[in-house]
Amino acid sequence: MQEKLDELKHRLREVYDLHGAAAVLNWDQSTYMPKRSAPIRARRLAYLQTLAQEKFTDPAIGKLLDDLQAYGESLPYESDDASLIRVTRREYEKQIKVPTTFTAEFGEHAANSFSIWAAARPENDFATVQPLLEKTLDYSRQYSEFFPGYDHIADPHIDRGNHGITTALVRELFGALRDELIKLLNAIKTQEQVEDSFLYRHFPKAQQYAFAREVAQQFGYDFERGRLDETHHPFETRLNWGDVRITTRGDDHHLGDGVFATMHETGHGLYEQGTHPDLDSSPLQSGTSSAVHESQSRLWENRIGRSRGFWEHYYPVLKDYFPGVLDDVSVDAFYRAINKVEPSLIRVKADEVTYNLHIMIRSELSIELLEGDLSIKELPDAWNARYERYLGVTPPDYSDGVMQDVHWYAMLIGGTFEGYTLGNILGAQYYEAVLAAHPEITDEITRGQFGTLHNWLKTNIYQHGSKFDTAELTERLTGGGISIEPLVRYLHTKFGDIYQL
C-alpha cells in the first residue's frame, strides 16, 4: 500500500504545483500586472487550470483511490493518510463530473471578465459587463447540471466552497438571523447616533498600512512566509505553505479601510500559514471551507480588532502613526466610532450588525438568478429594491450597487457569498469555545498579547487544513451543530452597551 500511497501523493503534488503557479498569476493580475496583458493572462490561467484538472481527474488517480480505500478506512479517521484518501476521493468524484472543456472555457471567461469589471466599475459602466455576467450565469446553471439529483439548483455551488452545506440550511439559518438583525437594527435607530466624523480626517494610506502591518505581525502573521500588497479588492492567496500572501486597500480620508481590511485578510493568512506543512501540495493543504475561513478573518477583524480591549493597548500606538490627528479623541470615543451602526451601501465597510444583511441580499439574488426568477437585466433594479427593503438605503449608481463586489465578475454565480455570514455565525461559536478554555485571553488582548488565542486556533483549527468538513469541525470544537445563538448573544451584548439599549 505504501507504494500506491506514494504514487498518489506524487500525482497530487503535480496538480497542486500547477494550482500554485496559477495562484501566482492570479495574484499578479490583481496587484501589479499591466492592463494590456489581460487577454494573454486569461489564456494562460485557463491553460493551467485545465491542465491541473486533467491531471487530478486522470483515471489513474481514481484507480489508486479504489486500491487505497480499504487501507484508508483501516486507519484512524483523523490521521493524515486516512484524511488524504477520504478528502481526495470526495474532491475527485466532484471534479470528474465537470468536463475539462468547461473549466478551460470558464477560466478564460472569468479572467477576462475580472479585467473588464476592474476597468468598468470606476466608470459606472454596467452595460459593458452585463453581457459578460449573462454568460457567467449561463456557465453557472450549466455547472449545476453536472450534478444531477440536487435538491436545489444552488446546492452544487454552495457545496463547492462549503462541503455538506445546503441551500435549505442556509435559508433556515439566514432567515432566523435576519429577523434578529432587523430587530436589533431598529432598536439602535431609536438611539442617539455615535459621532465618527474624526475617522474621516487625513490618514495617509502608507501609514495605515504600516500600522496594520505591525498589528498583523503581532497577531502572528509571518512575513517571512508572506507579504502585504495593495489591490482593487482585498484577498489572501496561498502559493504554498511557505508563501501565503495578503492584500489590502485604503482611503487617505477614512481610517478604517486600510486597517480593518488588513486585519480581515490577516485572519485568512493566519489560517493558511497555520496548516501543517506535511499537508502541503494536497487537497488537505488549505482551510476546510469558505465558512470556516471567514470565521477566522471576521474573528480577527471584529471580535479582536474592534474590541475595546484591543484598543486600550493599541490606541496610543495608532496615534503615534498619525501625530496630532487624534489628540482630541478619547479611546472610548474611538471605540464607539469604529463600531458605529449605520445602514450603508458598501459591504466591506459595513458594521457588524448590518454586514450580514448585505450578504443575505447577495445570496438571495444569486439563488433567484440560478432559479431563473431573475434576469441579469433586472439585477440592478432588484439589487436596489432589496437594499431599500432590508437597509433603507438605495445605491445612487452601479459602482456602489450591483458592481461593487468582484465575485460575480470573476467566479461562478452561487455559493460565493454565503460563507461570509456562515463565517460570522461559526466565528462566534468558536470564540465562545476558546474563551471557555482560556478565559485569560480577554485580559491578554488588553496587553497586546495574542499568543494564547493564536495557538488555540492553530492547534484546534488551522493545523488540520481540510481534514474535517465544516460540520465535523464545529462538532469537535463546540459539541454541537451550527447555531446562530452565540452570534446573536454577542451582537446584543456589544451593541446594547454601545447604544444603551
Protein backbone atom coordinates (compact mmCIF):
# COMPACT_ATOMS: atom_id res chain seq x y z
CA MET A 1 0.00 0.00 0.00
CA GLN A 2 2.84 2.41 0.73
CA GLU A 3 3.95 2.35 -2.89
CA LYS A 4 0.44 3.23 -4.09
CA LEU A 5 0.12 5.95 -1.44
CA ASP A 6 3.45 7.45 -2.51
CA GLU A 7 2.30 7.45 -6.13
CA LEU A 8 -0.94 9.19 -5.17
CA LYS A 9 0.99 11.85 -3.27
CA HIS A 10 3.35 12.34 -6.23
CA ARG A 11 0.47 12.83 -8.65
CA LEU A 12 -1.28 15.23 -6.26
CA ARG A 13 1.92 17.22 -5.85
CA GLU A 14 1.98 17.82 -9.62
CA VAL A 15 -1.63 19.01 -9.51
CA TYR A 16 -1.02 21.43 -6.66
CA ASP A 17 2.19 22.72 -8.22
CA LEU A 18 0.01 23.79 -11.15
CA HIS A 19 -2.51 25.38 -8.78
CA GLY A 20 0.36 27.24 -7.12
CA ALA A 21 1.61 28.55 -10.46
CA ALA A 22 -1.91 29.71 -11.34
CA ALA A 23 -2.16 31.42 -7.95
CA VAL A 24 0.96 33.45 -8.74
CA LEU A 25 -0.61 34.62 -11.99
CA ASN A 26 -3.89 35.44 -10.24
CA TRP A 27 -2.10 37.40 -7.53
CA ASP A 28 -0.11 39.33 -10.12
CA GLN A 29 -3.28 40.05 -12.12
CA SER A 30 -4.85 41.60 -9.04
CA THR A 31 -1.82 43.65 -7.98
CA TYR A 32 0.87 44.66 -10.46
CA MET A 33 0.01 43.25 -13.91
CA PRO A 34 -0.08 45.78 -16.79
CA LYS A 35 -3.66 46.18 -18.06
CA ARG A 36 -2.85 45.23 -21.65
CA SER A 37 -1.63 41.83 -20.52
CA ALA A 38 -5.16 40.72 -19.61
CA PRO A 39 -6.11 38.61 -22.69
CA ILE A 40 -2.88 36.58 -22.65
CA ARG A 41 -3.06 36.19 -18.88
CA ALA A 42 -6.60 34.86 -19.20
CA ARG A 43 -5.46 32.24 -21.73
CA ARG A 44 -2.53 31.12 -19.59
CA LEU A 45 -4.63 30.88 -16.45
CA ALA A 46 -7.20 28.83 -18.30
CA TYR A 47 -4.46 26.51 -19.56
CA LEU A 48 -3.03 25.93 -16.07
CA GLN A 49 -6.47 25.35 -14.55
CA THR A 50 -7.38 22.90 -17.30
CA LEU A 51 -4.09 21.04 -17.03
CA ALA A 52 -4.49 20.77 -13.25
CA GLN A 53 -7.99 19.36 -13.64
CA GLU A 54 -6.88 16.89 -16.30
CA LYS A 55 -4.15 15.62 -14.01
CA PHE A 56 -6.45 15.44 -10.99
CA THR A 57 -9.21 13.59 -12.86
CA ASP A 58 -6.82 11.15 -14.53
CA PRO A 59 -8.36 7.64 -14.21
CA ALA A 60 -5.06 6.55 -12.69
CA ILE A 61 -5.88 8.62 -9.60
CA GLY A 62 -9.32 7.02 -9.45
CA LYS A 63 -7.69 3.59 -9.61
CA LEU A 64 -5.25 4.48 -6.83
CA LEU A 65 -8.12 5.71 -4.66
CA ASP A 66 -10.00 2.46 -5.24
CA ASP A 67 -6.94 0.44 -4.32
CA LEU A 68 -6.32 2.54 -1.19
CA GLN A 69 -9.89 2.79 0.08
CA ALA A 70 -9.81 -0.21 2.41
CA TYR A 71 -6.39 0.83 3.71
CA GLY A 72 -7.64 4.34 4.44
CA GLU A 73 -10.68 3.02 6.29
CA SER A 74 -8.44 0.87 8.46
CA LEU A 75 -6.55 3.91 9.77
CA PRO A 76 -7.67 6.36 12.48
CA TYR A 77 -10.18 8.77 10.89
CA GLU A 78 -8.13 11.91 11.55
CA SER A 79 -4.75 10.51 10.51
CA ASP A 80 -3.02 12.29 7.63
CA ASP A 81 -3.19 9.32 5.27
CA ALA A 82 -6.82 8.39 6.01
CA SER A 83 -7.83 12.03 5.60
CA LEU A 84 -5.87 12.38 2.37
CA ILE A 85 -7.54 9.33 0.82
CA ARG A 86 -11.01 10.34 2.05
CA VAL A 87 -10.89 14.01 1.01
CA THR A 88 -9.16 13.30 -2.29
CA ARG A 89 -11.89 10.76 -3.10
CA ARG A 90 -14.58 13.34 -2.32
CA GLU A 91 -12.99 16.03 -4.49
CA TYR A 92 -12.15 13.56 -7.27
CA GLU A 93 -15.77 12.44 -7.52
CA LYS A 94 -16.85 16.08 -7.80
CA GLN A 95 -14.28 17.08 -10.39
CA ILE A 96 -14.75 14.12 -12.73
CA LYS A 97 -18.30 15.38 -13.25
CA VAL A 98 -17.03 18.71 -14.64
CA PRO A 99 -15.61 18.47 -18.20
CA THR A 100 -12.16 19.98 -18.67
CA THR A 101 -13.52 21.90 -21.65
CA PHE A 102 -15.89 23.69 -19.26
CA THR A 103 -13.04 24.50 -16.89
CA ALA A 104 -10.96 25.92 -19.74
CA GLU A 105 -13.77 27.98 -21.22
CA PHE A 106 -14.98 29.38 -17.93
CA GLY A 107 -11.44 30.02 -16.67
CA GLU A 108 -10.66 32.20 -19.67
CA HIS A 109 -14.05 33.91 -19.47
CA ALA A 110 -13.64 34.64 -15.74
CA ALA A 111 -10.16 36.14 -16.16
CA ASN A 112 -11.38 38.40 -18.97
CA SER A 113 -14.50 39.31 -17.04
CA PHE A 114 -12.44 40.32 -13.99
CA SER A 115 -10.19 42.62 -16.03
CA ILE A 116 -13.14 44.27 -17.75
CA TRP A 117 -15.01 44.71 -14.44
CA ALA A 118 -11.92 46.31 -12.85
CA ALA A 119 -11.91 48.95 -15.59
CA ALA A 120 -15.71 49.34 -15.85
CA ARG A 121 -16.55 49.74 -12.18
CA PRO A 122 -14.81 53.13 -11.75
CA GLU A 123 -16.65 54.29 -14.89
CA ASN A 124 -20.04 53.12 -13.54
CA ASP A 125 -20.39 51.10 -16.75
CA PHE A 126 -22.77 48.20 -16.17
CA ALA A 127 -23.64 47.98 -19.86
CA THR A 128 -20.13 46.70 -20.61
CA VAL A 129 -20.21 43.94 -18.02
CA GLN A 130 -23.87 42.92 -18.48
CA PRO A 131 -23.25 40.52 -21.40
CA LEU A 132 -20.29 39.01 -19.52
CA LEU A 133 -22.47 38.50 -16.46
CA GLU A 134 -25.16 36.88 -18.60
CA LYS A 135 -22.55 34.47 -19.91
CA THR A 136 -21.37 33.78 -16.34
CA LEU A 137 -24.95 32.94 -15.36
CA ASP A 138 -25.18 30.51 -18.28
CA TYR A 139 -21.97 28.84 -17.12
CA SER A 140 -23.28 28.74 -13.54
CA ARG A 141 -26.51 26.98 -14.49
CA GLN A 142 -24.52 24.59 -16.66
CA TYR A 143 -22.28 23.80 -13.69
CA SER A 144 -25.31 22.74 -11.64
CA GLU A 145 -26.36 20.38 -14.42
CA PHE A 146 -23.13 18.42 -13.91
CA PHE A 147 -24.53 17.31 -10.52
CA PRO A 148 -27.94 15.76 -11.20
CA GLY A 149 -30.04 14.81 -8.23
CA TYR A 150 -29.56 18.01 -6.24
CA ASP A 151 -32.44 19.30 -4.12
CA HIS A 152 -31.89 22.87 -5.29
CA ILE A 153 -30.00 24.31 -8.26
CA ALA A 154 -27.78 26.33 -5.90
CA ASP A 155 -26.73 23.26 -3.87
CA PRO A 156 -23.75 22.29 -6.08
CA HIS A 157 -22.46 25.86 -5.85
CA ILE A 158 -22.79 26.18 -2.07
CA ASP A 159 -21.29 22.71 -1.66
CA ARG A 160 -18.34 23.72 -3.85
CA GLY A 161 -16.96 26.03 -1.17
CA ASN A 162 -18.72 24.53 1.85
CA HIS A 163 -18.96 20.77 1.58
CA GLY A 164 -22.16 19.43 3.11
CA ILE A 165 -23.92 22.82 3.43
CA THR A 166 -27.21 23.05 1.51
CA THR A 167 -29.47 25.83 0.27
CA ALA A 168 -32.12 24.66 2.73
CA LEU A 169 -29.75 25.03 5.71
CA VAL A 170 -28.59 28.45 4.50
CA ARG A 171 -32.17 29.67 4.20
CA GLU A 172 -33.03 28.35 7.66
CA LEU A 173 -30.04 29.99 9.38
CA PHE A 174 -30.21 33.22 7.40
CA GLY A 175 -33.96 33.61 7.90
CA ALA A 176 -33.72 33.33 11.68
CA LEU A 177 -30.66 35.59 11.83
CA ARG A 178 -32.23 38.20 9.54
CA ASP A 179 -35.16 38.62 11.92
CA GLU A 180 -32.80 39.16 14.87
CA LEU A 181 -30.62 41.63 12.96
CA ILE A 182 -33.51 43.76 11.77
CA LYS A 183 -34.94 43.80 15.31
CA LEU A 184 -31.59 44.95 16.73
CA LEU A 185 -31.07 47.49 13.95
CA ASN A 186 -34.50 49.02 14.50
CA ALA A 187 -33.75 49.35 18.23
CA ILE A 188 -30.42 51.06 17.51
CA LYS A 189 -32.13 53.52 15.15
CA THR A 190 -34.15 54.88 18.10
CA GLN A 191 -30.98 55.88 19.96
CA GLU A 192 -28.64 58.83 19.60
CA GLN A 193 -26.13 58.15 16.84
CA VAL A 194 -22.43 57.72 17.51
CA GLU A 195 -20.09 60.52 16.40
CA ASP A 196 -17.44 59.30 13.94
CA SER A 197 -16.52 62.32 11.81
CA PHE A 198 -12.94 62.24 13.11
CA LEU A 199 -12.40 58.93 11.27
CA TYR A 200 -12.57 60.91 8.02
CA ARG A 201 -9.64 63.19 8.73
CA HIS A 202 -6.41 62.82 6.76
CA PHE A 203 -4.85 59.41 7.40
CA PRO A 204 -2.29 58.67 4.65
CA LYS A 205 -2.67 55.15 3.31
CA ALA A 206 1.01 54.37 3.71
CA GLN A 207 0.78 54.99 7.45
CA GLN A 208 -2.45 52.98 7.72
CA TYR A 209 -0.69 50.07 6.05
CA ALA A 210 2.36 50.44 8.29
CA PHE A 211 0.19 50.30 11.43
CA ALA A 212 -1.82 47.40 10.05
CA ARG A 213 1.37 45.54 9.19
CA GLU A 214 2.56 45.90 12.78
CA VAL A 215 -0.77 44.55 14.05
CA ALA A 216 -0.71 41.64 11.59
CA GLN A 217 2.72 40.67 12.82
CA GLN A 218 1.58 40.85 16.45
CA PHE A 219 -1.43 38.66 15.63
CA GLY A 220 1.08 36.05 14.43
CA TYR A 221 1.30 36.56 10.65
CA ASP A 222 4.77 35.52 9.48
CA PHE A 223 6.16 37.99 6.94
CA GLU A 224 8.99 35.58 6.15
CA ARG A 225 6.27 33.41 4.61
CA GLY A 226 4.08 36.19 3.26
CA ARG A 227 3.75 39.77 2.12
CA LEU A 228 1.25 42.65 2.10
CA ASP A 229 0.30 44.47 -1.12
CA GLU A 230 -2.40 46.83 -2.39
CA THR A 231 -5.21 45.74 -4.72
CA HIS A 232 -8.70 46.64 -6.01
CA HIS A 233 -10.49 44.14 -3.75
CA PRO A 234 -8.54 42.69 -0.81
CA PHE A 235 -7.85 38.96 -0.74
CA GLU A 236 -5.48 36.32 0.60
CA THR A 237 -3.82 33.73 -1.59
CA ARG A 238 -1.81 30.63 -0.81
CA LEU A 239 1.00 29.82 -3.25
CA ASN A 240 2.37 27.16 -0.89
CA TRP A 241 2.93 26.65 2.84
CA GLY A 242 5.95 28.97 2.71
CA ASP A 243 4.22 31.70 0.69
CA VAL A 244 0.83 32.94 1.90
CA ARG A 245 0.14 36.50 0.72
CA ILE A 246 -2.39 39.11 1.81
CA THR A 247 -3.57 42.31 0.14
CA THR A 248 -5.42 45.41 1.25
CA ARG A 249 -6.77 48.73 0.05
CA GLY A 250 -7.14 52.08 1.77
CA ASP A 251 -8.51 55.59 1.63
CA ASP A 252 -6.47 58.61 2.73
CA HIS A 253 -9.62 60.10 4.22
CA HIS A 254 -11.01 57.13 6.11
CA LEU A 255 -9.02 55.40 8.80
CA GLY A 256 -10.92 52.12 8.84
CA ASP A 257 -10.33 50.95 5.28
CA GLY A 258 -6.66 50.06 5.32
CA VAL A 259 -6.60 48.98 8.96
CA PHE A 260 -9.59 46.65 9.12
CA ALA A 261 -9.24 45.23 5.60
CA THR A 262 -5.72 44.19 6.55
CA MET A 263 -6.88 42.62 9.82
CA HIS A 264 -9.51 40.67 7.87
CA GLU A 265 -7.03 39.28 5.36
CA THR A 266 -4.56 38.59 8.16
CA GLY A 267 -7.15 36.22 9.63
CA HIS A 268 -7.21 34.32 6.35
CA GLY A 269 -3.42 34.36 6.22
CA LEU A 270 -3.05 33.02 9.76
CA TYR A 271 -5.27 30.09 8.86
CA GLU A 272 -3.23 29.15 5.79
CA GLN A 273 0.13 29.71 7.49
CA GLY A 274 -1.10 27.59 10.40
CA THR A 275 -1.83 24.45 8.38
CA HIS A 276 0.59 21.61 8.98
CA PRO A 277 3.42 21.64 6.40
CA ASP A 278 3.02 17.88 5.86
CA LEU A 279 -0.35 18.61 4.23
CA ASP A 280 1.13 20.90 1.56
CA SER A 281 0.63 20.03 -2.12
CA SER A 282 -2.53 18.02 -1.47
CA PRO A 283 -6.30 18.57 -1.12
CA LEU A 284 -5.72 18.85 2.64
CA GLN A 285 -3.40 21.84 2.44
CA SER A 286 -5.88 24.71 2.84
CA GLY A 287 -8.70 25.75 5.15
CA THR A 288 -11.64 23.41 5.16
CA SER A 289 -14.34 25.71 3.76
CA SER A 290 -15.09 29.32 2.91
CA ALA A 291 -17.31 29.49 6.02
CA VAL A 292 -14.57 28.34 8.41
CA HIS A 293 -12.10 30.61 6.61
CA GLU A 294 -14.41 33.58 7.10
CA SER A 295 -14.89 32.62 10.73
CA GLN A 296 -11.20 33.41 11.16
CA SER A 297 -10.99 36.59 9.10
CA ARG A 298 -14.08 38.04 10.79
CA LEU A 299 -12.90 36.88 14.23
CA TRP A 300 -9.57 38.69 13.96
CA GLU A 301 -11.07 41.75 12.27
CA ASN A 302 -14.10 42.21 14.54
CA ARG A 303 -14.01 40.16 17.74
CA ILE A 304 -10.39 41.21 18.27
CA GLY A 305 -9.75 44.25 16.06
CA ARG A 306 -12.94 46.11 17.02
CA SER A 307 -12.90 45.15 20.69
CA ARG A 308 -12.49 47.66 23.49
CA GLY A 309 -9.63 45.66 24.97
CA PHE A 310 -7.64 45.72 21.75
CA TRP A 311 -7.76 49.50 21.52
CA GLU A 312 -6.89 50.02 25.18
CA HIS A 313 -3.49 48.74 24.15
CA TYR A 314 -3.21 49.87 20.52
CA TYR A 315 -4.84 53.30 20.51
CA PRO A 316 -1.67 55.06 21.74
CA VAL A 317 0.29 53.13 19.08
CA LEU A 318 -2.15 54.21 16.38
CA LYS A 319 -1.92 57.86 17.47
CA ASP A 320 1.86 57.72 17.12
CA TYR A 321 1.43 56.79 13.44
CA PHE A 322 -0.69 59.93 12.89
CA PRO A 323 0.83 62.61 15.15
CA GLY A 324 -1.69 65.16 16.37
CA VAL A 325 -4.59 63.89 14.26
CA LEU A 326 -6.47 62.13 17.07
CA ASP A 327 -5.24 64.05 20.11
CA ASP A 328 -8.76 65.37 20.81
CA VAL A 329 -10.37 61.90 20.62
CA SER A 330 -10.60 59.60 23.65
CA VAL A 331 -10.20 55.83 23.37
CA ASP A 332 -13.86 55.43 24.36
CA ALA A 333 -15.00 57.79 21.58
CA PHE A 334 -12.74 55.98 19.11
CA TYR A 335 -14.05 52.55 20.14
CA ARG A 336 -17.65 53.69 19.71
CA ALA A 337 -16.87 55.28 16.34
CA ILE A 338 -15.30 52.19 14.78
CA ASN A 339 -18.37 50.24 15.90
CA LYS A 340 -20.95 52.74 14.66
CA VAL A 341 -24.05 51.01 13.31
CA GLU A 342 -25.46 52.66 10.23
CA PRO A 343 -27.08 51.19 7.11
CA SER A 344 -24.73 51.74 4.18
CA LEU A 345 -24.16 50.77 0.56
CA ILE A 346 -20.79 49.03 0.71
CA ARG A 347 -20.49 45.52 2.12
CA VAL A 348 -16.81 45.60 3.04
CA LYS A 349 -17.31 48.82 5.03
CA ALA A 350 -20.45 47.62 6.82
CA ASP A 351 -20.69 47.38 10.60
CA GLU A 352 -21.19 44.08 12.40
CA VAL A 353 -24.96 44.47 12.75
CA THR A 354 -25.75 45.31 9.11
CA TYR A 355 -22.97 43.33 7.39
CA ASN A 356 -24.91 40.07 7.23
CA LEU A 357 -27.88 41.82 5.62
CA HIS A 358 -25.55 42.71 2.73
CA ILE A 359 -24.65 39.03 2.41
CA MET A 360 -28.25 37.89 2.58
CA ILE A 361 -29.15 40.23 -0.28
CA ARG A 362 -26.39 38.77 -2.45
CA SER A 363 -27.26 35.20 -1.52
CA GLU A 364 -30.94 35.68 -2.28
CA LEU A 365 -30.25 37.37 -5.62
CA SER A 366 -27.76 34.65 -6.61
CA ILE A 367 -30.32 31.96 -5.89
CA GLU A 368 -33.03 33.81 -7.82
CA LEU A 369 -30.69 34.18 -10.80
CA LEU A 370 -29.94 30.46 -10.78
CA GLU A 371 -33.63 29.60 -10.40
CA GLY A 372 -34.48 31.77 -13.40
CA ASP A 373 -36.77 34.05 -11.40
CA LEU A 374 -34.45 36.99 -12.05
CA SER A 375 -32.51 38.04 -15.16
CA ILE A 376 -29.20 39.88 -15.35
CA LYS A 377 -31.01 42.80 -16.99
CA GLU A 378 -33.30 43.03 -13.96
CA LEU A 379 -30.48 42.57 -11.47
CA PRO A 380 -29.58 46.26 -10.83
CA ASP A 381 -33.18 47.19 -10.01
CA ALA A 382 -33.62 44.06 -7.89
CA TRP A 383 -30.41 44.91 -6.03
CA ASN A 384 -31.60 48.44 -5.30
CA ALA A 385 -35.05 47.27 -4.19
CA ARG A 386 -33.56 44.71 -1.78
CA TYR A 387 -31.25 47.34 -0.29
CA GLU A 388 -34.19 49.66 0.28
CA ARG A 389 -36.21 46.87 1.91
CA TYR A 390 -33.51 45.50 4.23
CA LEU A 391 -31.32 48.51 4.92
CA GLY A 392 -33.39 51.55 3.95
CA VAL A 393 -30.76 52.84 1.50
CA THR A 394 -30.68 52.94 -2.30
CA PRO A 395 -27.45 52.92 -4.36
CA PRO A 396 -27.09 56.06 -6.49
CA ASP A 397 -25.14 54.22 -9.20
CA TYR A 398 -23.93 50.82 -10.38
CA SER A 399 -20.42 51.21 -8.92
CA ASP A 400 -21.67 51.24 -5.35
CA GLY A 401 -24.52 48.91 -6.21
CA VAL A 402 -24.53 45.82 -8.34
CA MET A 403 -20.90 46.27 -9.47
CA GLN A 404 -19.27 46.73 -6.06
CA ASP A 405 -18.16 43.13 -5.43
CA VAL A 406 -15.71 41.25 -7.63
CA HIS A 407 -17.27 37.82 -7.01
CA TRP A 408 -19.89 37.68 -9.77
CA TYR A 409 -17.37 39.09 -12.24
CA ALA A 410 -14.61 36.56 -11.58
CA MET A 411 -16.38 33.43 -10.32
CA LEU A 412 -19.46 31.32 -10.87
CA ILE A 413 -22.70 32.80 -9.56
CA GLY A 414 -23.89 30.95 -6.47
CA GLY A 415 -22.06 29.81 -3.35
CA THR A 416 -19.65 32.74 -3.31
CA PHE A 417 -21.25 34.88 -0.58
CA GLU A 418 -22.88 32.50 1.88
CA GLY A 419 -19.55 31.72 3.53
CA TYR A 420 -19.26 35.26 4.91
CA THR A 421 -22.35 35.08 7.11
CA LEU A 422 -21.79 31.42 7.92
CA GLY A 423 -18.32 32.54 8.98
CA ASN A 424 -19.72 35.16 11.34
CA ILE A 425 -22.00 32.51 12.85
CA LEU A 426 -19.17 29.99 13.26
CA GLY A 427 -16.69 32.59 14.48
CA ALA A 428 -19.00 33.45 17.38
CA GLN A 429 -19.35 29.76 18.25
CA TYR A 430 -15.62 29.13 18.07
CA TYR A 431 -14.77 32.22 20.12
CA GLU A 432 -17.10 31.09 22.89
CA ALA A 433 -15.26 27.76 22.84
CA VAL A 434 -11.82 29.34 23.07
CA LEU A 435 -12.87 31.67 25.91
CA ALA A 436 -14.32 28.72 27.80
CA ALA A 437 -10.93 27.02 27.54
CA HIS A 438 -8.86 30.18 28.14
CA PRO A 439 -10.78 33.00 29.85
CA GLU A 440 -7.48 34.82 30.36
CA ILE A 441 -7.46 35.73 26.66
CA THR A 442 -9.69 38.75 27.33
CA ASP A 443 -7.06 40.29 29.63
CA GLU A 444 -4.20 39.28 27.33
CA ILE A 445 -5.75 41.24 24.46
CA THR A 446 -5.70 44.42 26.57
CA ARG A 447 -1.93 43.90 26.86
CA GLY A 448 -1.47 43.35 23.12
CA GLN A 449 -0.82 39.62 23.60
CA PHE A 450 -2.40 37.17 21.16
CA GLY A 451 -0.29 34.05 21.57
CA THR A 452 -2.79 32.03 23.61
CA LEU A 453 -5.60 32.75 21.15
CA HIS A 454 -3.47 32.11 18.08
CA ASN A 455 -2.07 28.88 19.48
CA TRP A 456 -5.54 27.53 20.37
CA LEU A 457 -6.83 28.32 16.90
CA LYS A 458 -3.74 26.80 15.30
CA THR A 459 -3.99 23.64 17.39
CA ASN A 460 -7.73 23.13 17.06
CA ILE A 461 -8.46 24.53 13.58
CA TYR A 462 -5.56 25.66 11.44
CA GLN A 463 -3.19 22.70 11.57
CA HIS A 464 -5.88 20.30 10.34
CA GLY A 465 -6.29 22.01 6.96
CA SER A 466 -9.20 20.29 5.20
CA LYS A 467 -9.22 17.07 7.21
CA PHE A 468 -12.66 17.84 8.63
CA ASP A 469 -15.60 19.45 6.88
CA THR A 470 -17.48 22.37 8.44
CA ALA A 471 -19.98 20.26 10.37
CA GLU A 472 -17.31 17.86 11.68
CA LEU A 473 -15.03 20.67 12.81
CA THR A 474 -17.87 22.54 14.50
CA GLU A 475 -18.91 19.39 16.36
CA ARG A 476 -15.30 18.85 17.52
CA LEU A 477 -14.99 22.43 18.79
CA THR A 478 -18.44 23.09 20.23
CA GLY A 479 -20.05 19.72 20.76
CA GLY A 480 -22.97 20.64 18.52
CA GLY A 481 -24.10 21.89 15.14
CA ILE A 482 -24.13 25.32 13.52
CA SER A 483 -26.12 27.77 15.65
CA ILE A 484 -26.86 31.50 15.38
CA GLU A 485 -27.32 31.89 19.15
CA PRO A 486 -23.69 32.79 20.08
CA LEU A 487 -23.61 35.47 17.36
CA VAL A 488 -26.96 36.89 18.47
CA ARG A 489 -25.75 36.99 22.11
CA TYR A 490 -22.54 38.74 21.13
CA LEU A 491 -24.24 41.39 18.98
CA HIS A 492 -26.93 42.17 21.56
CA THR A 493 -24.35 42.44 24.36
CA LYS A 494 -21.83 44.57 22.49
CA PHE A 495 -24.19 46.95 20.74
CA GLY A 496 -26.64 47.03 23.61
CA ASP A 497 -23.79 48.52 25.64
CA ILE A 498 -22.65 50.95 22.93
CA TYR A 499 -26.18 52.21 22.21
CA GLN A 500 -27.51 51.83 25.79
CA LEU A 501 -30.36 49.54 24.78
